[in-house]
């Protein structure tokens, strides 16, 4: 299983040749257009050893505040087969791109506040010593654990010959005496065809993006490194549909025994478009 995951990752990295990056965990330097709103639902599902299958869902509202500043709010929901479904909390996120022009490497600064509970299973990142056992246990018990956290990311991203390469360093801290936790996310993707099709087409090659993600934890301030950390890798595909719809899919495989065996992800996004227009734009 581990060798299959590595092979799939390398295959997607080297052999795939769809437009918007289809990543679930990794951020690129591409920002939402100013005044534009996108609504996206991301669902992650997996099964811890000896427990029932879970699902975690995040509903995201992403707004282009300016050309260099994108804001998001997340509403998370989680459930377990044979148990219950509950509200997992909310997150407030801001991304700022300090360099406006395109560079060989484009940095983005990311800050997020999370008010979630222990039942949250959206798996939007993996940090510290997060492991497969954290997804087990009854929902009612897990909701009693309150988590108010800040998360910072350094996002580095490049576009070259149709490819996007993105690297994220993650720093997260519970607003208690808990130590800072660290994580990472890496991804690459490319459209199947760079030239846009001339007609209206759902299944043309330029409507599909293929790539791969690799992400995991890097311990915490007291015990940094790879010991007792989980890591995942897998291919990802994005499909641009008519009417500003986009669908993404990822099959992530756990790379060690500390991880879940696999995480399946599905995303559905709708680009609402301009919701606030400048006065001069309406003339």
C-alpha atoms as a PDB file:
ATOM      1  CA  UNK A   1       0.000   0.000   0.000  1.00  0.00           C
ATOM      2  CA  UNK A   2       2.835   2.426   0.892  1.00  0.00           C
ATOM      3  CA  UNK A   3       4.679   1.665  -2.350  1.00  0.00           C
ATOM      4  CA  UNK A   4       1.452   2.149  -4.311  1.00  0.00           C
ATOM      5  CA  UNK A   5       0.979   5.588  -2.737  1.00  0.00           C
ATOM      6  CA  UNK A   6       4.513   6.648  -3.622  1.00  0.00           C
ATOM      7  CA  UNK A   7       4.132   5.326  -7.174  1.00  0.00           C
ATOM      8  CA  UNK A   8       0.857   7.192  -7.674  1.00  0.00           C
ATOM      9  CA  UNK A   9       2.402  10.389  -6.358  1.00  0.00           C
ATOM     10  CA  UNK A  10       5.375  10.173  -8.703  1.00  0.00           C
ATOM     11  CA  UNK A  11       3.142   9.239 -11.630  1.00  0.00           C
ATOM     12  CA  UNK A  12       0.920  12.260 -11.113  1.00  0.00           C
ATOM     13  CA  UNK A  13       3.955  14.503 -10.624  1.00  0.00           C
ATOM     14  CA  UNK A  14       5.874  13.467 -13.676  1.00  0.00           C
ATOM     15  CA  UNK A  15       3.353  12.287 -16.224  1.00  0.00           C
ATOM     16  CA  UNK A  16       0.367  14.583 -15.951  1.00  0.00           C
ATOM     17  CA  UNK A  17       0.503  17.370 -18.227  1.00  0.00           C
ATOM     18  CA  UNK A  18      -6.519  21.489 -15.837  1.00  0.00           C
ATOM     19  CA  UNK A  19      -6.459  25.182 -14.911  1.00  0.00           C
ATOM     20  CA  UNK A  20      -7.312  26.263 -11.327  1.00  0.00           C
ATOM     21  CA  UNK A  21      -5.146  24.305  -8.960  1.00  0.00           C
ATOM     22  CA  UNK A  22      -7.197  21.393  -7.559  1.00  0.00           C
ATOM     23  CA  UNK A  23      -5.454  21.086  -4.174  1.00  0.00           C
ATOM     24  CA  UNK A  24      -7.274  20.335  -0.913  1.00  0.00           C
ATOM     25  CA  UNK A  25      -4.573  21.083   1.680  1.00  0.00           C
ATOM     26  CA  UNK A  26      -1.894  23.055  -0.180  1.00  0.00           C
ATOM     27  CA  UNK A  27      -2.338  26.738  -1.041  1.00  0.00           C
ATOM     28  CA  UNK A  28      -0.902  28.383  -4.146  1.00  0.00           C
ATOM     29  CA  UNK A  29      -0.238  32.094  -4.741  1.00  0.00           C
ATOM     30  CA  UNK A  30      -3.368  32.517  -6.874  1.00  0.00           C
ATOM     31  CA  UNK A  31      -5.845  34.856  -5.194  1.00  0.00           C
ATOM     32  CA  UNK A  32      -9.587  35.386  -5.645  1.00  0.00           C
ATOM     33  CA  UNK A  33     -10.416  38.205  -8.070  1.00  0.00           C
ATOM     34  CA  UNK A  34     -11.265  41.526  -6.333  1.00  0.00           C
ATOM     35  CA  UNK A  35     -14.956  41.734  -5.472  1.00  0.00           C
ATOM     36  CA  UNK A  36     -15.558  38.105  -6.467  1.00  0.00           C
ATOM     37  CA  UNK A  37     -17.077  35.422  -4.242  1.00  0.00           C
ATOM     38  CA  UNK A  38     -16.566  31.647  -4.467  1.00  0.00           C
ATOM     39  CA  UNK A  39     -18.474  29.044  -2.450  1.00  0.00           C
ATOM     40  CA  UNK A  40     -16.875  25.625  -2.014  1.00  0.00           C
ATOM     41  CA  UNK A  41     -17.701  22.449  -0.126  1.00  0.00           C
ATOM     42  CA  UNK A  42     -14.816  20.123   0.755  1.00  0.00           C
ATOM     43  CA  UNK A  43     -15.482  16.689   2.230  1.00  0.00           C
ATOM     44  CA  UNK A  44     -12.912  14.284   3.677  1.00  0.00           C
ATOM     45  CA  UNK A  45     -13.698  10.714   4.690  1.00  0.00           C
ATOM     46  CA  UNK A  46     -11.653   7.898   6.201  1.00  0.00           C
ATOM     47  CA  UNK A  47     -11.746   5.111   8.749  1.00  0.00           C
ATOM     48  CA  UNK A  48      -9.537   4.810  11.844  1.00  0.00           C
ATOM     49  CA  UNK A  49      -8.410   1.328  12.864  1.00  0.00           C
ATOM     50  CA  UNK A  50     -11.085  -0.317  15.010  1.00  0.00           C
ATOM     51  CA  UNK A  51     -13.644   2.463  14.583  1.00  0.00           C
ATOM     52  CA  UNK A  52     -16.380   3.532  12.185  1.00  0.00           C
ATOM     53  CA  UNK A  53     -15.928   5.622   9.059  1.00  0.00           C
ATOM     54  CA  UNK A  54     -16.044   9.381   9.581  1.00  0.00           C
ATOM     55  CA  UNK A  55     -16.684  12.339   7.325  1.00  0.00           C
ATOM     56  CA  UNK A  56     -15.672  15.945   7.762  1.00  0.00           C
ATOM     57  CA  UNK A  57     -17.098  18.768   5.687  1.00  0.00           C
ATOM     58  CA  UNK A  58     -16.031  22.400   5.314  1.00  0.00           C
ATOM     59  CA  UNK A  59     -18.176  24.985   3.577  1.00  0.00           C
ATOM     60  CA  UNK A  60     -15.946  27.873   2.453  1.00  0.00           C
ATOM     61  CA  UNK A  61     -16.896  31.388   1.443  1.00  0.00           C
ATOM     62  CA  UNK A  62     -13.894  32.975  -0.296  1.00  0.00           C
ATOM     63  CA  UNK A  63     -13.930  36.665  -1.166  1.00  0.00           C
ATOM     64  CA  UNK A  64     -11.402  38.751  -3.081  1.00  0.00           C
ATOM     65  CA  UNK A  65     -11.063  41.779  -0.801  1.00  0.00           C
ATOM     66  CA  UNK A  66      -8.415  43.353  -3.068  1.00  0.00           C
ATOM     67  CA  UNK A  67      -6.054  42.121  -5.762  1.00  0.00           C
ATOM     68  CA  UNK A  68      -3.512  41.221  -3.057  1.00  0.00           C
ATOM     69  CA  UNK A  69      -5.823  40.207  -0.178  1.00  0.00           C
ATOM     70  CA  UNK A  70      -8.245  37.260  -0.051  1.00  0.00           C
ATOM     71  CA  UNK A  71     -10.514  36.509   2.933  1.00  0.00           C
ATOM     72  CA  UNK A  72     -12.370  33.307   3.796  1.00  0.00           C
ATOM     73  CA  UNK A  73     -14.789  32.000   6.387  1.00  0.00           C
ATOM     74  CA  UNK A  74     -15.253  28.252   6.941  1.00  0.00           C
ATOM     75  CA  UNK A  75     -18.136  26.416   8.590  1.00  0.00           C
ATOM     76  CA  UNK A  76     -17.216  22.849   9.535  1.00  0.00           C
ATOM     77  CA  UNK A  77     -19.453  19.827  10.070  1.00  0.00           C
ATOM     78  CA  UNK A  78     -18.460  16.319  11.091  1.00  0.00           C
ATOM     79  CA  UNK A  79     -20.046  12.935  11.628  1.00  0.00           C
ATOM     80  CA  UNK A  80     -19.328   9.249  12.195  1.00  0.00           C
ATOM     81  CA  UNK A  81     -21.211   6.268  10.841  1.00  0.00           C
ATOM     82  CA  UNK A  82     -23.474   4.867  13.551  1.00  0.00           C
ATOM     83  CA  UNK A  83     -23.017   7.976  15.694  1.00  0.00           C
ATOM     84  CA  UNK A  84     -24.160  11.540  15.032  1.00  0.00           C
ATOM     85  CA  UNK A  85     -23.438  14.617  12.924  1.00  0.00           C
ATOM     86  CA  UNK A  86     -22.525  17.892  14.621  1.00  0.00           C
ATOM     87  CA  UNK A  87     -21.292  21.399  13.894  1.00  0.00           C
ATOM     88  CA  UNK A  88     -17.496  21.353  14.142  1.00  0.00           C
ATOM     89  CA  UNK A  89     -16.854  25.091  14.454  1.00  0.00           C
ATOM     90  CA  UNK A  90     -15.741  27.965  12.242  1.00  0.00           C
ATOM     91  CA  UNK A  91     -12.520  29.483  10.903  1.00  0.00           C
ATOM     92  CA  UNK A  92     -11.589  32.969   9.728  1.00  0.00           C
ATOM     93  CA  UNK A  93      -8.736  33.164   7.224  1.00  0.00           C
ATOM     94  CA  UNK A  94      -6.827  35.905   5.468  1.00  0.00           C
ATOM     95  CA  UNK A  95      -4.140  35.628   2.804  1.00  0.00           C
ATOM     96  CA  UNK A  96      -1.953  38.510   1.713  1.00  0.00           C
ATOM     97  CA  UNK A  97       0.331  38.548  -1.311  1.00  0.00           C
ATOM     98  CA  UNK A  98       3.123  41.086  -0.618  1.00  0.00           C
ATOM     99  CA  UNK A  99       4.602  41.046  -4.147  1.00  0.00           C
ATOM    100  CA  UNK A 100       2.073  42.045  -6.828  1.00  0.00           C
ATOM    101  CA  UNK A 101       4.038  41.064  -9.900  1.00  0.00           C
ATOM    102  CA  UNK A 102       4.688  37.465 -10.928  1.00  0.00           C
ATOM    103  CA  UNK A 103       8.074  36.178  -9.783  1.00  0.00           C
ATOM    104  CA  UNK A 104       9.985  32.927 -10.011  1.00  0.00           C
ATOM    105  CA  UNK A 105       8.789  32.218  -6.452  1.00  0.00           C
ATOM    106  CA  UNK A 106       5.701  34.049  -5.185  1.00  0.00           C
ATOM    107  CA  UNK A 107       5.273  34.316  -1.400  1.00  0.00           C
ATOM    108  CA  UNK A 108       1.910  34.615   0.353  1.00  0.00           C
ATOM    109  CA  UNK A 109       1.357  35.245   4.078  1.00  0.00           C
ATOM    110  CA  UNK A 110      -1.532  33.391   5.707  1.00  0.00           C
ATOM    111  CA  UNK A 111      -3.221  33.881   9.092  1.00  0.00           C
ATOM    112  CA  UNK A 112      -6.237  32.027  10.466  1.00  0.00           C
ATOM    113  CA  UNK A 113      -8.262  31.953  13.675  1.00  0.00           C
ATOM    114  CA  UNK A 114     -10.071  28.700  14.481  1.00  0.00           C
ATOM    115  CA  UNK A 115     -12.914  28.194  16.957  1.00  0.00           C
ATOM    116  CA  UNK A 116     -13.546  24.468  16.619  1.00  0.00           C
ATOM    117  CA  UNK A 117     -14.090  21.424  18.823  1.00  0.00           C
ATOM    118  CA  UNK A 118     -12.358  18.064  19.151  1.00  0.00           C
ATOM    119  CA  UNK A 119     -14.896  16.351  16.886  1.00  0.00           C
ATOM    120  CA  UNK A 120     -13.760  18.380  13.876  1.00  0.00           C
ATOM    121  CA  UNK A 121     -12.545  16.036  11.117  1.00  0.00           C
ATOM    122  CA  UNK A 122     -12.275  18.338   8.117  1.00  0.00           C
ATOM    123  CA  UNK A 123      -8.518  17.556   7.847  1.00  0.00           C
ATOM    124  CA  UNK A 124      -7.652  20.868   6.216  1.00  0.00           C
ATOM    125  CA  UNK A 125      -4.101  20.418   7.480  1.00  0.00           C
ATOM    126  CA  UNK A 126      -1.986  17.943   9.452  1.00  0.00           C
ATOM    127  CA  UNK A 127       0.309  19.375  12.137  1.00  0.00           C
ATOM    128  CA  UNK A 128       2.285  18.290  15.173  1.00  0.00           C
ATOM    129  CA  UNK A 129       1.641  14.693  16.161  1.00  0.00           C
ATOM    130  CA  UNK A 130      -1.823  14.388  14.619  1.00  0.00           C
ATOM    131  CA  UNK A 131      -2.445  10.702  13.937  1.00  0.00           C
ATOM    132  CA  UNK A 132      -5.073   8.184  12.935  1.00  0.00           C
ATOM    133  CA  UNK A 133      -6.184   7.629  16.532  1.00  0.00           C
ATOM    134  CA  UNK A 134      -7.332  11.279  16.751  1.00  0.00           C
ATOM    135  CA  UNK A 135     -10.250  10.404  14.448  1.00  0.00           C
ATOM    136  CA  UNK A 136     -11.604   7.659  16.743  1.00  0.00           C
ATOM    137  CA  UNK A 137     -14.005   7.909  19.670  1.00  0.00           C
ATOM    138  CA  UNK A 138     -17.624   9.007  20.237  1.00  0.00           C
ATOM    139  CA  UNK A 139     -18.738  12.339  18.810  1.00  0.00           C
ATOM    140  CA  UNK A 140     -20.448  13.525  22.009  1.00  0.00           C
ATOM    141  CA  UNK A 141     -17.252  13.124  23.996  1.00  0.00           C
ATOM    142  CA  UNK A 142     -15.080  14.831  21.381  1.00  0.00           C
ATOM    143  CA  UNK A 143     -17.318  17.922  21.167  1.00  0.00           C
ATOM    144  CA  UNK A 144     -16.505  18.695  24.809  1.00  0.00           C
ATOM    145  CA  UNK A 145     -12.954  19.614  23.799  1.00  0.00           C
ATOM    146  CA  UNK A 146     -12.860  23.257  22.737  1.00  0.00           C
ATOM    147  CA  UNK A 147     -10.068  24.466  20.488  1.00  0.00           C
ATOM    148  CA  UNK A 148      -9.313  28.112  19.886  1.00  0.00           C
ATOM    149  CA  UNK A 149      -6.225  28.207  17.716  1.00  0.00           C
ATOM    150  CA  UNK A 150      -4.188  30.488  15.509  1.00  0.00           C
ATOM    151  CA  UNK A 151      -2.575  29.137  12.366  1.00  0.00           C
ATOM    152  CA  UNK A 152       0.122  30.821  10.306  1.00  0.00           C
ATOM    153  CA  UNK A 153       1.450  29.677   6.944  1.00  0.00           C
ATOM    154  CA  UNK A 154       4.243  30.681   4.641  1.00  0.00           C
ATOM    155  CA  UNK A 155       3.044  29.897   1.127  1.00  0.00           C
ATOM    156  CA  UNK A 156       5.560  29.693  -1.717  1.00  0.00           C
ATOM    157  CA  UNK A 157       4.287  29.058  -5.220  1.00  0.00           C
ATOM    158  CA  UNK A 158       5.549  29.109  -8.805  1.00  0.00           C
ATOM    159  CA  UNK A 159       4.051  28.794 -12.290  1.00  0.00           C
ATOM    160  CA  UNK A 160       6.264  27.432 -15.061  1.00  0.00           C
ATOM    161  CA  UNK A 161       5.300  26.064 -18.496  1.00  0.00           C
ATOM    162  CA  UNK A 162       1.759  25.298 -17.399  1.00  0.00           C
ATOM    163  CA  UNK A 163       2.843  23.699 -14.123  1.00  0.00           C
ATOM    164  CA  UNK A 164       2.097  25.033 -10.673  1.00  0.00           C
ATOM    165  CA  UNK A 165       4.428  24.092  -7.819  1.00  0.00           C
ATOM    166  CA  UNK A 166       3.373  25.062  -4.293  1.00  0.00           C
ATOM    167  CA  UNK A 167       5.028  24.616  -0.910  1.00  0.00           C
ATOM    168  CA  UNK A 168       3.488  25.490   2.473  1.00  0.00           C
ATOM    169  CA  UNK A 169       5.047  25.655   5.928  1.00  0.00           C
ATOM    170  CA  UNK A 170       2.432  25.518   8.705  1.00  0.00           C
ATOM    171  CA  UNK A 171       2.658  26.876  12.273  1.00  0.00           C
ATOM    172  CA  UNK A 172      -0.303  26.292  14.604  1.00  0.00           C
ATOM    173  CA  UNK A 173      -0.895  27.066  18.271  1.00  0.00           C
ATOM    174  CA  UNK A 174      -3.759  26.446  20.635  1.00  0.00           C
ATOM    175  CA  UNK A 175      -4.418  29.643  22.627  1.00  0.00           C
ATOM    176  CA  UNK A 176      -3.376  27.935  25.852  1.00  0.00           C
ATOM    177  CA  UNK A 177      -0.007  26.831  27.133  1.00  0.00           C
ATOM    178  CA  UNK A 178       0.205  24.239  24.339  1.00  0.00           C
ATOM    179  CA  UNK A 179       3.400  24.441  22.247  1.00  0.00           C
ATOM    180  CA  UNK A 180       3.533  25.555  18.627  1.00  0.00           C
ATOM    181  CA  UNK A 181       2.903  22.679  16.208  1.00  0.00           C
ATOM    182  CA  UNK A 182       4.433  22.399  12.746  1.00  0.00           C
ATOM    183  CA  UNK A 183       3.383  20.874   9.443  1.00  0.00           C
ATOM    184  CA  UNK A 184       3.944  21.049   5.700  1.00  0.00           C
ATOM    185  CA  UNK A 185       2.119  20.626   2.411  1.00  0.00           C
ATOM    186  CA  UNK A 186       3.579  20.241  -1.093  1.00  0.00           C
ATOM    187  CA  UNK A 187       1.723  20.005  -4.385  1.00  0.00           C
ATOM    188  CA  UNK A 188       2.131  20.191  -8.153  1.00  0.00           C
ATOM    189  CA  UNK A 189      -0.439  20.253 -10.960  1.00  0.00           C
ATOM    190  CA  UNK A 190      -0.813  20.959 -14.665  1.00  0.00           C
ATOM    191  CA  UNK A 191      -3.686  21.140 -17.174  1.00  0.00           C
ATOM    192  CA  UNK A 192      -3.980  18.233 -19.560  1.00  0.00           C
ATOM    193  CA  UNK A 193      -3.882  20.847 -22.314  1.00  0.00           C
ATOM    194  CA  UNK A 194      -2.856  24.484 -22.029  1.00  0.00           C
ATOM    195  CA  UNK A 195      -4.716  25.812 -25.066  1.00  0.00           C
ATOM    196  CA  UNK A 196      -8.391  26.477 -24.350  1.00  0.00           C
ATOM    197  CA  UNK A 197     -10.950  24.698 -26.533  1.00  0.00           C
ATOM    198  CA  UNK A 198     -12.738  26.897 -29.075  1.00  0.00           C
ATOM    199  CA  UNK A 199     -16.218  25.422 -28.597  1.00  0.00           C
ATOM    200  CA  UNK A 200     -18.406  24.694 -25.568  1.00  0.00           C
ATOM    201  CA  UNK A 201     -17.016  21.422 -24.254  1.00  0.00           C
ATOM    202  CA  UNK A 202     -17.284  19.612 -20.902  1.00  0.00           C
ATOM    203  CA  UNK A 203     -14.814  16.819 -21.554  1.00  0.00           C
ATOM    204  CA  UNK A 204     -12.052  18.612 -23.458  1.00  0.00           C
ATOM    205  CA  UNK A 205      -8.556  18.139 -22.102  1.00  0.00           C
ATOM    206  CA  UNK A 206      -8.192  21.783 -21.059  1.00  0.00           C
ATOM    207  CA  UNK A 207     -11.075  21.319 -18.584  1.00  0.00           C
ATOM    208  CA  UNK A 208      -9.083  18.838 -16.486  1.00  0.00           C
ATOM    209  CA  UNK A 209      -6.173  19.431 -14.119  1.00  0.00           C
ATOM    210  CA  UNK A 210      -4.080  16.579 -12.749  1.00  0.00           C
ATOM    211  CA  UNK A 211      -1.560  16.710  -9.953  1.00  0.00           C
ATOM    212  CA  UNK A 212      -0.548  15.362  -6.563  1.00  0.00           C
ATOM    213  CA  UNK A 213      -0.310  16.444  -2.936  1.00  0.00           C
ATOM    214  CA  UNK A 214       2.045  15.437  -0.112  1.00  0.00           C
ATOM    215  CA  UNK A 215       1.407  16.698   3.423  1.00  0.00           C
ATOM    216  CA  UNK A 216       2.017  15.823   7.055  1.00  0.00           C
ATOM    217  CA  UNK A 217       3.123  16.848  10.533  1.00  0.00           C
ATOM    218  CA  UNK A 218       6.562  17.976  11.702  1.00  0.00           C
ATOM    219  CA  UNK A 219       6.138  17.654  15.468  1.00  0.00           C
ATOM    220  CA  UNK A 220       5.991  20.572  17.903  1.00  0.00           C
ATOM    221  CA  UNK A 221       8.317  22.997  19.644  1.00  0.00           C
ATOM    222  CA  UNK A 222       9.255  20.441  22.313  1.00  0.00           C
ATOM    223  CA  UNK A 223       9.594  17.432  19.993  1.00  0.00           C
ATOM    224  CA  UNK A 224      10.195  18.637  16.426  1.00  0.00           C
ATOM    225  CA  UNK A 225      10.835  16.174  13.613  1.00  0.00           C
ATOM    226  CA  UNK A 226       9.186  13.155  12.045  1.00  0.00           C
ATOM    227  CA  UNK A 227       8.825  10.900  15.095  1.00  0.00           C
ATOM    228  CA  UNK A 228       5.162   9.964  15.709  1.00  0.00           C
ATOM    229  CA  UNK A 229       3.877  12.099  12.836  1.00  0.00           C
ATOM    230  CA  UNK A 230       1.472  11.196  10.050  1.00  0.00           C
ATOM    231  CA  UNK A 231       1.971  11.807   6.333  1.00  0.00           C
ATOM    232  CA  UNK A 232      -0.253  11.455   3.271  1.00  0.00           C
ATOM    233  CA  UNK A 233       0.268  11.508  -0.486  1.00  0.00           C
ATOM    234  CA  UNK A 234      -1.954  10.955  -3.451  1.00  0.00           C
ATOM    235  CA  UNK A 235      -3.136  12.049  -6.890  1.00  0.00           C
ATOM    236  CA  UNK A 236      -5.655  14.845  -7.304  1.00  0.00           C
ATOM    237  CA  UNK A 237      -7.862  15.788 -10.249  1.00  0.00           C
ATOM    238  CA  UNK A 238      -9.874  18.923 -10.983  1.00  0.00           C
ATOM    239  CA  UNK A 239     -12.675  19.260 -13.541  1.00  0.00           C
ATOM    240  CA  UNK A 240     -13.986  22.643 -14.692  1.00  0.00           C
ATOM    241  CA  UNK A 241     -17.714  22.439 -15.454  1.00  0.00           C
ATOM    242  CA  UNK A 242     -20.019  24.926 -17.210  1.00  0.00           C
ATOM    243  CA  UNK A 243     -21.725  27.722 -15.245  1.00  0.00           C
ATOM    244  CA  UNK A 244     -18.645  28.435 -13.109  1.00  0.00           C
ATOM    245  CA  UNK A 245     -18.734  25.034 -11.384  1.00  0.00           C
ATOM    246  CA  UNK A 246     -15.633  23.034 -10.442  1.00  0.00           C
ATOM    247  CA  UNK A 247     -15.249  19.529  -9.034  1.00  0.00           C
ATOM    248  CA  UNK A 248     -12.110  18.092  -7.413  1.00  0.00           C
ATOM    249  CA  UNK A 249     -11.212  14.613  -6.190  1.00  0.00           C
ATOM    250  CA  UNK A 250      -8.259  13.238  -4.247  1.00  0.00           C
ATOM    251  CA  UNK A 251      -7.297   9.768  -3.041  1.00  0.00           C
ATOM    252  CA  UNK A 252      -4.772  10.262  -0.256  1.00  0.00           C
ATOM    253  CA  UNK A 253      -2.794   7.312   1.120  1.00  0.00           C
ATOM    254  CA  UNK A 254      -1.244   7.169   4.584  1.00  0.00           C
ATOM    255  CA  UNK A 255       2.525   6.721   4.317  1.00  0.00           C
ATOM    256  CA  UNK A 256       3.149   5.168   7.740  1.00  0.00           C
ATOM    257  CA  UNK A 257       1.364   3.237  10.468  1.00  0.00           C
ATOM    258  CA  UNK A 258       0.735   6.410  12.466  1.00  0.00           C
ATOM    259  CA  UNK A 259      -1.502   7.726   9.657  1.00  0.00           C
ATOM    260  CA  UNK A 260      -4.968   6.727   8.540  1.00  0.00           C
ATOM    261  CA  UNK A 261      -4.830   4.107   5.808  1.00  0.00           C
ATOM    262  CA  UNK A 262      -6.401   6.557   3.356  1.00  0.00           C
ATOM    263  CA  UNK A 263      -8.395   9.792   3.117  1.00  0.00           C
ATOM    264  CA  UNK A 264     -10.806  10.321   0.224  1.00  0.00           C
ATOM    265  CA  UNK A 265     -11.627  13.946  -0.590  1.00  0.00           C
ATOM    266  CA  UNK A 266     -14.304  15.506  -2.808  1.00  0.00           C
ATOM    267  CA  UNK A 267     -14.698  19.223  -3.495  1.00  0.00           C
ATOM    268  CA  UNK A 268     -17.465  21.132  -5.291  1.00  0.00           C
ATOM    269  CA  UNK A 269     -17.025  24.860  -5.959  1.00  0.00           C
ATOM    270  CA  UNK A 270     -19.230  27.538  -7.494  1.00  0.00           C
ATOM    271  CA  UNK A 271     -17.863  30.894  -8.606  1.00  0.00           C
ATOM    272  CA  UNK A 272     -20.589  33.439  -7.803  1.00  0.00           C
ATOM    273  CA  UNK A 273     -18.595  36.204  -9.463  1.00  0.00           C
ATOM    274  CA  UNK A 274     -18.723  39.901  -8.642  1.00  0.00           C
ATOM    275  CA  UNK A 275     -20.900  40.636  -5.616  1.00  0.00           C
ATOM    276  CA  UNK A 276     -19.690  44.185  -4.960  1.00  0.00           C
ATOM    277  CA  UNK A 277     -18.926  46.530  -7.858  1.00  0.00           C
ATOM    278  CA  UNK A 278     -17.062  49.799  -7.694  1.00  0.00           C
ATOM    279  CA  UNK A 279     -19.137  52.786  -8.721  1.00  0.00           C
ATOM    280  CA  UNK A 280     -17.022  53.328 -11.843  1.00  0.00           C
ATOM    281  CA  UNK A 281     -17.590  49.716 -12.894  1.00  0.00           C
ATOM    282  CA  UNK A 282     -21.348  50.322 -13.128  1.00  0.00           C
ATOM    283  CA  UNK A 283     -21.131  53.217 -15.550  1.00  0.00           C
END
